[in-house]
N, C-alpha and C. Protein backbone atom coordinates (compact mmCIF):
# COMPACT_ATOMS: atom_id res chain seq x y z
N MET A 1 0.84 -1.16 0.00
CA MET A 1 0.00 0.00 0.00
C MET A 1 0.90 1.23 0.00
N SER A 2 0.72 2.09 -0.94
CA SER A 2 1.57 3.28 -1.01
C SER A 2 1.10 4.33 -0.03
N ARG A 3 2.00 5.12 0.40
CA ARG A 3 1.72 6.17 1.38
C ARG A 3 1.30 7.42 0.64
N ARG A 4 0.14 7.94 0.97
CA ARG A 4 -0.32 9.19 0.37
C ARG A 4 0.47 10.35 0.94
N ASN A 5 0.66 11.36 0.14
CA ASN A 5 1.30 12.57 0.62
C ASN A 5 0.19 13.53 1.08
N ARG A 6 -0.12 13.48 2.37
CA ARG A 6 -1.20 14.32 2.90
C ARG A 6 -0.71 15.75 3.05
N ARG A 7 -1.58 16.65 2.67
CA ARG A 7 -1.27 18.08 2.85
C ARG A 7 -2.46 18.73 3.53
N TYR A 8 -2.22 19.24 4.70
CA TYR A 8 -3.27 19.90 5.45
C TYR A 8 -3.30 21.37 5.08
N VAL A 9 -4.50 21.92 4.99
CA VAL A 9 -4.66 23.33 4.63
C VAL A 9 -4.13 24.23 5.74
N VAL A 10 -4.36 23.84 6.97
CA VAL A 10 -3.92 24.63 8.12
C VAL A 10 -2.52 24.18 8.53
N PRO A 11 -1.55 25.09 8.48
CA PRO A 11 -0.19 24.70 8.90
C PRO A 11 -0.19 24.19 10.34
N GLY A 12 0.50 23.10 10.56
CA GLY A 12 0.59 22.54 11.89
C GLY A 12 -0.56 21.62 12.27
N ALA A 13 -1.52 21.43 11.38
CA ALA A 13 -2.69 20.60 11.69
C ALA A 13 -2.35 19.12 11.76
N GLU A 14 -1.28 18.72 11.10
CA GLU A 14 -0.94 17.30 11.06
C GLU A 14 -0.75 16.72 12.46
N ARG A 15 -0.02 17.40 13.29
CA ARG A 15 0.24 16.91 14.65
C ARG A 15 -1.07 16.76 15.42
N GLY A 16 -1.94 17.73 15.30
CA GLY A 16 -3.23 17.66 15.98
C GLY A 16 -4.09 16.52 15.47
N MET A 17 -4.10 16.30 14.17
CA MET A 17 -4.89 15.21 13.59
C MET A 17 -4.34 13.85 14.02
N GLN A 18 -3.04 13.73 14.08
CA GLN A 18 -2.45 12.47 14.51
C GLN A 18 -2.78 12.19 15.98
N SER A 19 -2.75 13.22 16.80
CA SER A 19 -3.12 13.07 18.22
C SER A 19 -4.59 12.70 18.35
N PHE A 20 -5.42 13.35 17.53
CA PHE A 20 -6.85 13.06 17.53
C PHE A 20 -7.11 11.61 17.13
N LYS A 21 -6.42 11.14 16.08
CA LYS A 21 -6.56 9.76 15.64
C LYS A 21 -6.17 8.80 16.76
N ALA A 22 -5.06 9.08 17.42
CA ALA A 22 -4.60 8.21 18.51
C ALA A 22 -5.64 8.14 19.62
N GLU A 23 -6.20 9.29 20.00
CA GLU A 23 -7.17 9.33 21.07
C GLU A 23 -8.46 8.59 20.69
N VAL A 24 -8.95 8.84 19.49
CA VAL A 24 -10.19 8.20 19.04
C VAL A 24 -10.02 6.68 18.98
N MET A 25 -8.93 6.23 18.41
CA MET A 25 -8.73 4.79 18.27
C MET A 25 -8.44 4.13 19.62
N ARG A 26 -7.86 4.86 20.54
CA ARG A 26 -7.66 4.34 21.90
C ARG A 26 -9.03 4.12 22.55
N ARG A 27 -9.95 5.08 22.36
CA ARG A 27 -11.30 4.94 22.90
C ARG A 27 -12.04 3.78 22.25
N GLU A 28 -11.68 3.46 21.02
CA GLU A 28 -12.30 2.33 20.32
C GLU A 28 -11.74 0.99 20.81
N GLY A 29 -10.74 1.06 21.69
CA GLY A 29 -10.20 -0.15 22.28
C GLY A 29 -8.91 -0.65 21.67
N TYR A 30 -8.28 0.17 20.84
CA TYR A 30 -7.03 -0.23 20.20
C TYR A 30 -5.84 0.28 20.99
N ASN A 31 -4.76 -0.48 20.95
CA ASN A 31 -3.52 -0.10 21.60
C ASN A 31 -2.76 0.81 20.63
N VAL A 32 -2.65 2.08 20.95
CA VAL A 32 -2.06 3.06 20.05
C VAL A 32 -0.79 3.65 20.66
N ASP A 33 0.29 3.59 19.90
CA ASP A 33 1.54 4.24 20.31
C ASP A 33 1.42 5.71 19.91
N PRO A 34 1.36 6.64 20.88
CA PRO A 34 1.17 8.06 20.55
C PRO A 34 2.23 8.62 19.60
N SER A 35 3.42 8.02 19.60
CA SER A 35 4.46 8.52 18.70
C SER A 35 4.31 7.95 17.29
N ARG A 36 3.46 6.93 17.11
CA ARG A 36 3.24 6.30 15.81
C ARG A 36 1.75 5.94 15.64
N PRO A 37 0.86 6.95 15.65
CA PRO A 37 -0.57 6.65 15.58
C PRO A 37 -1.00 5.97 14.28
N ASP A 38 -0.26 6.15 13.20
CA ASP A 38 -0.63 5.49 11.94
C ASP A 38 -0.50 3.97 12.03
N ASP A 39 0.29 3.48 12.97
CA ASP A 39 0.48 2.04 13.11
C ASP A 39 -0.77 1.32 13.63
N VAL A 40 -1.77 2.07 14.09
CA VAL A 40 -3.00 1.44 14.55
C VAL A 40 -3.68 0.70 13.39
N LYS A 41 -3.34 1.07 12.17
CA LYS A 41 -3.96 0.41 11.01
C LYS A 41 -3.67 -1.08 11.00
N TYR A 42 -2.55 -1.50 11.55
CA TYR A 42 -2.23 -2.93 11.58
C TYR A 42 -3.14 -3.68 12.55
N GLU A 43 -3.46 -3.05 13.66
CA GLU A 43 -4.39 -3.66 14.62
C GLU A 43 -5.79 -3.73 14.03
N VAL A 44 -6.21 -2.65 13.38
CA VAL A 44 -7.53 -2.61 12.76
C VAL A 44 -7.61 -3.69 11.68
N ALA A 45 -6.57 -3.80 10.86
CA ALA A 45 -6.54 -4.80 9.80
C ALA A 45 -6.67 -6.21 10.38
N LYS A 46 -5.97 -6.46 11.46
CA LYS A 46 -6.03 -7.78 12.10
C LYS A 46 -7.45 -8.09 12.55
N ASP A 47 -8.11 -7.10 13.19
CA ASP A 47 -9.49 -7.29 13.63
C ASP A 47 -10.44 -7.57 12.47
N LEU A 48 -10.17 -6.94 11.33
CA LEU A 48 -11.02 -7.10 10.15
C LEU A 48 -10.65 -8.33 9.32
N GLY A 49 -9.55 -8.98 9.69
CA GLY A 49 -9.11 -10.14 8.93
C GLY A 49 -8.43 -9.79 7.61
N VAL A 50 -7.87 -8.58 7.55
CA VAL A 50 -7.17 -8.12 6.35
C VAL A 50 -5.67 -8.33 6.57
N PRO A 51 -4.98 -9.01 5.66
CA PRO A 51 -3.56 -9.32 5.84
C PRO A 51 -2.63 -8.15 5.53
N LEU A 52 -2.73 -7.09 6.30
CA LEU A 52 -1.88 -5.91 6.11
C LEU A 52 -0.59 -6.10 6.88
N GLU A 53 0.53 -5.89 6.22
CA GLU A 53 1.85 -6.02 6.83
C GLU A 53 2.67 -4.79 6.49
N PRO A 54 3.64 -4.44 7.35
CA PRO A 54 4.53 -3.32 6.99
C PRO A 54 5.25 -3.64 5.68
N GLY A 55 5.39 -2.64 4.85
CA GLY A 55 6.06 -2.84 3.56
C GLY A 55 5.06 -2.90 2.42
N ASN A 56 5.38 -3.71 1.43
CA ASN A 56 4.57 -3.81 0.22
C ASN A 56 3.32 -4.64 0.48
N ASN A 57 2.17 -4.06 0.18
CA ASN A 57 0.90 -4.76 0.32
C ASN A 57 0.14 -4.76 -1.00
N GLY A 58 0.88 -4.95 -2.08
CA GLY A 58 0.29 -4.94 -3.42
C GLY A 58 -0.74 -6.03 -3.63
N ASN A 59 -0.78 -7.01 -2.74
CA ASN A 59 -1.75 -8.09 -2.86
C ASN A 59 -3.13 -7.72 -2.32
N LEU A 60 -3.23 -6.59 -1.62
CA LEU A 60 -4.51 -6.19 -1.05
C LEU A 60 -5.43 -5.62 -2.11
N THR A 61 -6.70 -5.93 -1.98
CA THR A 61 -7.68 -5.34 -2.88
C THR A 61 -8.00 -3.93 -2.39
N THR A 62 -8.58 -3.15 -3.26
CA THR A 62 -9.01 -1.80 -2.89
C THR A 62 -10.05 -1.89 -1.78
N GLU A 63 -10.91 -2.89 -1.87
CA GLU A 63 -11.94 -3.07 -0.86
C GLU A 63 -11.33 -3.33 0.52
N SER A 64 -10.32 -4.18 0.57
CA SER A 64 -9.67 -4.48 1.85
C SER A 64 -9.01 -3.25 2.44
N ALA A 65 -8.29 -2.52 1.61
CA ALA A 65 -7.64 -1.30 2.08
C ALA A 65 -8.67 -0.29 2.55
N GLY A 66 -9.80 -0.21 1.84
CA GLY A 66 -10.87 0.71 2.21
C GLY A 66 -11.52 0.35 3.52
N GLN A 67 -11.59 -0.95 3.83
CA GLN A 67 -12.16 -1.36 5.11
C GLN A 67 -11.32 -0.83 6.26
N ILE A 68 -10.03 -0.88 6.10
CA ILE A 68 -9.13 -0.40 7.16
C ILE A 68 -9.27 1.11 7.33
N GLY A 69 -9.12 1.84 6.22
CA GLY A 69 -9.23 3.30 6.28
C GLY A 69 -10.61 3.76 6.70
N GLY A 70 -11.63 3.02 6.26
CA GLY A 70 -13.00 3.38 6.62
C GLY A 70 -13.27 3.23 8.10
N LYS A 71 -12.73 2.20 8.69
CA LYS A 71 -12.90 1.98 10.13
C LYS A 71 -12.25 3.12 10.92
N ILE A 72 -11.04 3.47 10.53
CA ILE A 72 -10.32 4.54 11.24
C ILE A 72 -10.96 5.89 10.96
N GLY A 73 -11.14 6.22 9.69
CA GLY A 73 -11.72 7.51 9.31
C GLY A 73 -13.15 7.67 9.81
N GLY A 74 -13.93 6.59 9.73
CA GLY A 74 -15.31 6.65 10.21
C GLY A 74 -15.38 6.94 11.69
N SER A 75 -14.50 6.33 12.44
CA SER A 75 -14.45 6.58 13.88
C SER A 75 -14.09 8.03 14.16
N MET A 76 -13.15 8.56 13.39
CA MET A 76 -12.74 9.95 13.58
C MET A 76 -13.88 10.91 13.22
N VAL A 77 -14.57 10.64 12.14
CA VAL A 77 -15.67 11.51 11.72
C VAL A 77 -16.81 11.48 12.74
N ARG A 78 -17.16 10.28 13.22
CA ARG A 78 -18.20 10.19 14.24
C ARG A 78 -17.85 11.03 15.47
N GLU A 79 -16.58 10.98 15.88
CA GLU A 79 -16.15 11.76 17.04
C GLU A 79 -16.19 13.26 16.74
N MET A 80 -15.81 13.66 15.53
CA MET A 80 -15.87 15.08 15.17
C MET A 80 -17.32 15.58 15.21
N ILE A 81 -18.24 14.77 14.71
CA ILE A 81 -19.66 15.15 14.74
C ILE A 81 -20.14 15.25 16.18
N ARG A 82 -19.77 14.28 17.01
CA ARG A 82 -20.16 14.32 18.42
C ARG A 82 -19.65 15.58 19.10
N LEU A 83 -18.39 15.93 18.82
CA LEU A 83 -17.80 17.14 19.42
C LEU A 83 -18.52 18.40 18.95
N ALA A 84 -18.84 18.47 17.66
CA ALA A 84 -19.54 19.63 17.12
C ALA A 84 -20.94 19.75 17.73
N GLN A 85 -21.64 18.62 17.87
CA GLN A 85 -22.96 18.65 18.50
C GLN A 85 -22.86 19.11 19.95
N GLN A 86 -21.84 18.64 20.65
CA GLN A 86 -21.66 19.04 22.03
C GLN A 86 -21.38 20.54 22.13
N GLN A 87 -20.60 21.07 21.21
CA GLN A 87 -20.34 22.52 21.20
C GLN A 87 -21.63 23.30 20.99
N MET A 88 -22.47 22.81 20.11
CA MET A 88 -23.75 23.48 19.86
C MET A 88 -24.62 23.49 21.11
N VAL A 89 -24.66 22.37 21.81
CA VAL A 89 -25.43 22.27 23.04
C VAL A 89 -24.86 23.23 24.09
N ASP A 90 -23.53 23.23 24.21
CA ASP A 90 -22.87 24.09 25.20
C ASP A 90 -23.11 25.56 24.94
N ARG A 91 -23.24 25.93 23.67
CA ARG A 91 -23.48 27.32 23.30
C ARG A 91 -24.95 27.68 23.30
N GLY A 92 -25.79 26.73 23.56
CA GLY A 92 -27.22 26.98 23.58
C GLY A 92 -27.87 26.84 22.22
N GLY A 93 -27.14 26.37 21.22
CA GLY A 93 -27.71 26.15 19.90
C GLY A 93 -28.07 27.42 19.15
N ASN A 94 -27.54 28.56 19.58
CA ASN A 94 -27.89 29.84 18.94
C ASN A 94 -26.99 30.20 17.77
N GLU A 95 -26.16 29.30 17.34
CA GLU A 95 -25.23 29.67 16.26
C GLU A 95 -25.57 29.00 14.98
């Protein structure tokens, strides 16, 4: 699986997003090394039965790779929505 070159619009956002990913996936019950939050994908893959290994994963289907990313990204999006809803409640919903 090739590594995408992510570019965040907000300078310095990468560190915050990586910390957010680590926290969300920790709450999901995964063992996350805060210094290497991207490595949680191997644990997620194992749970999903996807044979993801460090290095070349050219044997993986797009569907298998998507299951891994979808699990991680979906968890992050759900948490972002929850946080936004909580902010609205805290502000009284007037915004």
